[in-house]
C-alpha atoms as a PDB file:
ATOM      1  CA  MET A   1     193.605  29.409  -5.848  1.00  0.00           C
ATOM      2  CA  GLY A   2     194.468  31.991  -8.524  1.00  0.00           C
ATOM      3  CA  GLN A   3     197.294  34.436  -8.637  1.00  0.00           C
ATOM      4  CA  ARG A   4     196.771  37.760  -6.863  1.00  0.00           C
ATOM      5  CA  PRO A   5     196.232  40.542  -9.454  1.00  0.00           C
ATOM      6  CA  ALA A   6     199.030  43.062  -9.847  1.00  0.00           C
ATOM      7  CA  GLU A   7     198.496  46.438  -8.228  1.00  0.00           C
ATOM      8  CA  LEU A   8     197.635  49.015 -10.876  1.00  0.00           C
ATOM      9  CA  THR A   9     198.785  52.636 -10.876  1.00  0.00           C
ATOM     10  CA  PRO A  10     196.238  54.494 -13.028  1.00  0.00           C
ATOM     11  CA  GLN A  11     197.799  57.858 -12.156  1.00  0.00           C
ATOM     12  CA  ALA A  12     201.154  56.896 -13.679  1.00  0.00           C
ATOM     13  CA  SER A  13     200.202  57.509 -17.328  1.00  0.00           C
ATOM     14  CA  GLY A  14     197.388  57.401 -19.827  1.00  0.00           C
ATOM     15  CA  ARG A  15     198.292  53.808 -20.700  1.00  0.00           C
ATOM     16  CA  HIS A  16     198.074  52.857 -17.017  1.00  0.00           C
ATOM     17  CA  PHE A  17     194.697  54.572 -16.698  1.00  0.00           C
ATOM     18  CA  LEU A  18     193.372  52.721 -19.756  1.00  0.00           C
ATOM     19  CA  GLY A  19     194.575  49.413 -18.307  1.00  0.00           C
ATOM     20  CA  ALA A  20     192.936  50.132 -14.965  1.00  0.00           C
ATOM     21  CA  GLU A  21     189.661  50.995 -16.717  1.00  0.00           C
ATOM     22  CA  LEU A  22     189.829  47.803 -18.749  1.00  0.00           C
ATOM     23  CA  ARG A  23     190.270  45.756 -15.557  1.00  0.00           C
ATOM     24  CA  CYS A  24     187.495  47.649 -13.817  1.00  0.00           C
ATOM     25  CA  TRP A  25     185.006  46.967 -16.630  1.00  0.00           C
ATOM     26  CA  ARG A  26     186.090  43.323 -16.856  1.00  0.00           C
ATOM     27  CA  GLN A  27     185.642  42.776 -13.139  1.00  0.00           C
ATOM     28  CA  GLN A  28     182.295  44.589 -13.089  1.00  0.00           C
ATOM     29  CA  ARG A  29     181.071  42.177 -15.748  1.00  0.00           C
ATOM     30  CA  GLY A  30     182.369  39.199 -13.757  1.00  0.00           C
ATOM     31  CA  LEU A  31     184.785  37.951 -16.407  1.00  0.00           C
ATOM     32  CA  SER A  32     188.193  36.425 -15.843  1.00  0.00           C
ATOM     33  CA  LEU A  33     191.105  37.473 -18.022  1.00  0.00           C
ATOM     34  CA  ALA A  34     190.950  34.120 -19.788  1.00  0.00           C
ATOM     35  CA  ARG A  35     187.235  34.420 -20.520  1.00  0.00           C
ATOM     36  CA  LEU A  36     187.417  37.964 -21.828  1.00  0.00           C
ATOM     37  CA  ALA A  37     190.526  37.146 -23.850  1.00  0.00           C
ATOM     38  CA  ALA A  38     188.767  34.231 -25.553  1.00  0.00           C
ATOM     39  CA  ARG A  39     185.766  36.404 -26.396  1.00  0.00           C
ATOM     40  CA  VAL A  40     187.897  39.182 -27.937  1.00  0.00           C
ATOM     41  CA  TYR A  41     190.342  36.813 -29.691  1.00  0.00           C
ATOM     42  CA  LEU A  42     193.439  37.763 -27.690  1.00  0.00           C
ATOM     43  CA  SER A  43     195.709  35.711 -25.470  1.00  0.00           C
ATOM     44  CA  PRO A  44     195.120  36.080 -21.717  1.00  0.00           C
ATOM     45  CA  ASP A  45     198.802  37.039 -21.356  1.00  0.00           C
ATOM     46  CA  LEU A  46     198.472  39.901 -23.846  1.00  0.00           C
ATOM     47  CA  LEU A  47     195.250  41.163 -22.286  1.00  0.00           C
ATOM     48  CA  GLY A  48     196.823  41.019 -18.819  1.00  0.00           C
ATOM     49  CA  ARG A  49     199.832  42.972 -20.053  1.00  0.00           C
ATOM     50  CA  MET A  50     197.480  45.634 -21.442  1.00  0.00           C
ATOM     51  CA  GLU A  51     195.761  45.889 -18.060  1.00  0.00           C
ATOM     52  CA  LYS A  52     199.137  46.316 -16.337  1.00  0.00           C
ATOM     53  CA  ALA A  53     200.297  48.846 -18.986  1.00  0.00           C
ATOM     54  CA  GLU A  54     203.197  46.599 -19.924  1.00  0.00           C
ATOM     55  CA  ARG A  55     201.909  46.496 -23.488  1.00  0.00           C
ATOM     56  CA  ALA A  56     200.114  49.167 -25.489  1.00  0.00           C
ATOM     57  CA  ALA A  57     196.538  48.353 -26.369  1.00  0.00           C
ATOM     58  CA  SER A  58     195.326  48.629 -29.944  1.00  0.00           C
ATOM     59  CA  LEU A  59     192.169  50.468 -30.907  1.00  0.00           C
ATOM     60  CA  ASP A  60     190.820  47.259 -32.423  1.00  0.00           C
ATOM     61  CA  ALA A  61     191.311  45.390 -29.137  1.00  0.00           C
ATOM     62  CA  MET A  62     189.564  48.145 -27.186  1.00  0.00           C
ATOM     63  CA  VAL A  63     186.632  48.186 -29.626  1.00  0.00           C
ATOM     64  CA  ARG A  64     186.226  44.410 -29.209  1.00  0.00           C
ATOM     65  CA  CYS A  65     186.458  44.756 -25.407  1.00  0.00           C
ATOM     66  CA  ASP A  66     183.845  47.531 -25.526  1.00  0.00           C
ATOM     67  CA  GLU A  67     181.478  45.230 -27.414  1.00  0.00           C
ATOM     68  CA  VAL A  68     181.901  42.258 -25.086  1.00  0.00           C
ATOM     69  CA  LEU A  69     181.889  44.332 -21.897  1.00  0.00           C
ATOM     70  CA  GLN A  70     179.044  46.554 -23.135  1.00  0.00           C
ATOM     71  CA  THR A  71     180.786  49.778 -22.143  1.00  0.00           C
ATOM     72  CA  GLY A  72     179.085  52.007 -24.696  1.00  0.00           C
ATOM     73  CA  GLY A  73     182.451  52.648 -26.341  1.00  0.00           C
ATOM     74  CA  ALA A  74     184.192  53.965 -23.210  1.00  0.00           C
ATOM     75  CA  LEU A  75     187.458  52.084 -23.763  1.00  0.00           C
ATOM     76  CA  ALA A  76     187.815  53.104 -27.413  1.00  0.00           C
ATOM     77  CA  ARG A  77     187.153  56.745 -26.505  1.00  0.00           C
ATOM     78  CA  LEU A  78     189.759  56.581 -23.748  1.00  0.00           C
ATOM     79  CA  TRP A  79     192.233  54.888 -26.134  1.00  0.00           C
ATOM     80  CA  ARG A  80     191.786  57.752 -28.618  1.00  0.00           C
ATOM     81  CA  PHE A  81     192.316  60.338 -25.878  1.00  0.00           C
ATOM     82  CA  VAL A  82     195.434  58.601 -24.535  1.00  0.00           C
ATOM     83  CA  ASN A  83     196.954  58.242 -27.986  1.00  0.00           C
ATOM     84  CA  HIS A  84     196.128  61.829 -28.909  1.00  0.00           C
ATOM     85  CA  GLN A  85     197.836  63.060 -25.725  1.00  0.00           C
ATOM     86  CA  LYS A  86     200.840  60.789 -26.318  1.00  0.00           C
ATOM     87  CA  ALA A  87     201.229  62.120 -29.856  1.00  0.00           C
ATOM     88  CA  ARG A  88     201.456  65.665 -28.504  1.00  0.00           C
ATOM     89  CA  LEU A  89     204.343  64.870 -26.125  1.00  0.00           C
ATOM     90  CA  PRO A  90     207.990  65.321 -27.113  1.00  0.00           C
ATOM     91  CA  ALA A  91     209.418  62.027 -28.394  1.00  0.00           C
ATOM     92  CA  ASN A  92     211.748  61.553 -25.399  1.00  0.00           C
ATOM     93  CA  THR A  93     208.853  61.638 -22.890  1.00  0.00           C
ATOM     94  CA  ARG A  94     206.434  59.192 -24.571  1.00  0.00           C
ATOM     95  CA  ARG A  95     205.586  55.893 -22.929  1.00  0.00           C
END
C-alpha cells in the first residue's frame, strides 16, 4: 500500500496552486509520481516537492509535464503567471 498523498493548499500561494494543478493533471492522466517523473526526466522526490510547493518548479519542467500530460500548455502558462505575480511583490513577501 502506498503512502497517502499530502493535503494540498492551492489557495496558499501561486506556487501552491501550480503544484495542485500539476497533481490534478497527473492524476487525471492516471500517472504515478514515479511514472511521470521518469517521463519528464526528474526525480520522483523533486516532482513531489513541486506538487507540495516545497520546491519551485522550473519553466522547463512545466513544459515537459505539459507535453507528457497533454495539457495544451496549461502548466507553463500558469508558471509564467505565478512568476510574473511573484516578481511584482516586494522582496520580503515573496515565496
